Structures are given as structure tokens and as C-alpha cells.
C-alpha atoms as a PDB file:
ATOM      1  CA  MET A   1      -3.250  -3.995  13.164  1.00  0.00           C
ATOM      2  CA  THR A   2      -0.299  -3.518  10.795  1.00  0.00           C
ATOM      3  CA  ILE A   3       2.567  -1.139  11.520  1.00  0.00           C
ATOM      4  CA  ASP A   4       1.339   1.225   8.786  1.00  0.00           C
ATOM      5  CA  GLU A   5      -2.155   1.255  10.294  1.00  0.00           C
ATOM      6  CA  ARG A   6      -0.750   1.876  13.769  1.00  0.00           C
ATOM      7  CA  LEU A   7       1.352   4.793  12.520  1.00  0.00           C
ATOM      8  CA  LYS A   8      -1.532   6.274  10.549  1.00  0.00           C
ATOM      9  CA  GLU A   9      -3.637   6.196  13.722  1.00  0.00           C
ATOM     10  CA  LYS A  10      -0.815   7.617  15.862  1.00  0.00           C
ATOM     11  CA  PHE A  11      -0.268  10.595  13.555  1.00  0.00           C
ATOM     12  CA  LYS A  12      -3.800  11.118  12.214  1.00  0.00           C
ATOM     13  CA  ASN A  13      -4.131  14.569  13.797  1.00  0.00           C
ATOM     14  CA  TYR A  14      -0.802  15.816  12.427  1.00  0.00           C
ATOM     15  CA  SER A  15      -0.543  17.789   9.218  1.00  0.00           C
ATOM     16  CA  ASN A  16       2.475  17.021   7.053  1.00  0.00           C
ATOM     17  CA  LYS A  17       4.164  20.185   8.305  1.00  0.00           C
ATOM     18  CA  ALA A  18       3.451  19.329  11.950  1.00  0.00           C
ATOM     19  CA  LEU A  19       4.792  15.805  11.472  1.00  0.00           C
ATOM     20  CA  VAL A  20       7.997  17.131   9.901  1.00  0.00           C
ATOM     21  CA  THR A  21       8.380  19.624  12.765  1.00  0.00           C
ATOM     22  CA  ARG A  22       7.901  16.811  15.285  1.00  0.00           C
ATOM     23  CA  ALA A  23      10.480  14.623  13.534  1.00  0.00           C
ATOM     24  CA  ASN A  24      12.998  17.453  13.356  1.00  0.00           C
ATOM     25  CA  LYS A  25      12.704  17.990  17.135  1.00  0.00           C
ATOM     26  CA  VAL A  26      13.329  14.356  18.112  1.00  0.00           C
ATOM     27  CA  ILE A  27      16.520  13.898  20.101  1.00  0.00           C
ATOM     28  CA  ASN A  28      19.293  11.883  18.430  1.00  0.00           C
ATOM     29  CA  TYR A  29      17.243  11.692  15.229  1.00  0.00           C
ATOM     30  CA  ASN A  30      15.370   8.665  16.574  1.00  0.00           C
ATOM     31  CA  TRP A  31      12.318   9.317  14.395  1.00  0.00           C
ATOM     32  CA  ASP A  32      11.661   5.949  12.800  1.00  0.00           C
ATOM     33  CA  ASP A  33       7.875   6.180  13.283  1.00  0.00           C
ATOM     34  CA  GLU A  34       7.711   9.696  11.885  1.00  0.00           C
ATOM     35  CA  SER A  35       9.951   8.794   8.964  1.00  0.00           C
ATOM     36  CA  CYS A  36       7.847   5.756   8.120  1.00  0.00           C
ATOM     37  CA  GLU A  37       4.620   7.788   8.235  1.00  0.00           C
ATOM     38  CA  LEU A  38       6.126  10.546   6.074  1.00  0.00           C
ATOM     39  CA  SER A  39       7.209   7.944   3.534  1.00  0.00           C
ATOM     40  CA  ASN A  40       3.699   6.458   3.471  1.00  0.00           C
ATOM     41  CA  ARG A  41       2.131   9.901   3.022  1.00  0.00           C
ATOM     42  CA  HIS A  42       4.556  10.640   0.187  1.00  0.00           C
ATOM     43  CA  LYS A  43       3.622   7.400  -1.612  1.00  0.00           C
ATOM     44  CA  LEU A  44      -0.117   7.934  -1.150  1.00  0.00           C
ATOM     45  CA  SER A  45      -0.030  11.607  -2.213  1.00  0.00           C
ATOM     46  CA  LYS A  46       0.812  10.798  -5.848  1.00  0.00           C
ATOM     47  CA  GLY A  47       3.251  13.697  -6.070  1.00  0.00           C
ATOM     48  CA  LYS A  48       1.369  16.197  -3.918  1.00  0.00           C
ATOM     49  CA  PHE A  49       3.675  15.770  -0.912  1.00  0.00           C
ATOM     50  CA  ASP A  50       7.437  15.487  -1.170  1.00  0.00           C
ATOM     51  CA  TYR A  51      10.386  16.084   1.123  1.00  0.00           C
ATOM     52  CA  TYR A  52      14.094  15.391   1.451  1.00  0.00           C
ATOM     53  CA  LEU A  53      16.647  14.953   4.220  1.00  0.00           C
ATOM     54  CA  ASN A  54      19.377  17.594   4.541  1.00  0.00           C
ATOM     55  CA  ASP A  55      21.950  16.987   7.297  1.00  0.00           C
ATOM     56  CA  ASN A  56      19.441  15.207   9.571  1.00  0.00           C
ATOM     57  CA  THR A  57      16.760  17.831   8.944  1.00  0.00           C
ATOM     58  CA  ILE A  58      13.639  17.037   6.962  1.00  0.00           C
ATOM     59  CA  ILE A  59      12.729  19.732   4.431  1.00  0.00           C
ATOM     60  CA  ILE A  60       9.333  19.855   2.698  1.00  0.00           C
ATOM     61  CA  ILE A  61       9.646  20.386  -1.041  1.00  0.00           C
ATOM     62  CA  LYS A  62       5.962  20.224  -1.939  1.00  0.00           C
ATOM     63  CA  ASP A  63       2.761  19.965   0.093  1.00  0.00           C
ATOM     64  CA  THR A  64      -0.411  20.619  -1.864  1.00  0.00           C
ATOM     65  CA  LYS A  65      -3.936  19.322  -1.488  1.00  0.00           C
END
């Protein structure tokens, strides 16, 4: 199983908003898994999901179906 597949499985029950909330609550900003999954979702969404990082806080710009 690849890392991307493992992360997709790990976070399959999280909406984009829930995943961002989880990442923003991680202590010491140690959210490599969450960040990787968010990046993958962004790439696969073809512009329907976008976010940015503002002072160690992830902000959703766009999240449409």
C-alpha cells in the first residue's frame, strides 16, 4: 500500500472541513499526514477544493461538490 493510499484510508470518513479542523488542532503543527491528504484532495478536486496556510492555520478558500 502506498503512502497516498494509506492516508486516503486513514481519513476516508473525514470531510475536507473536518480534516482541516483536525489539522488545525494538532499540537506543534505536526500534521504531515493531514497536510499530505489535503494536498492530494486539492489536486484531485480539479479546482473544487482549495485552501491556504495563514500563520500555521489552514483556511479553506473553496469547497464545492
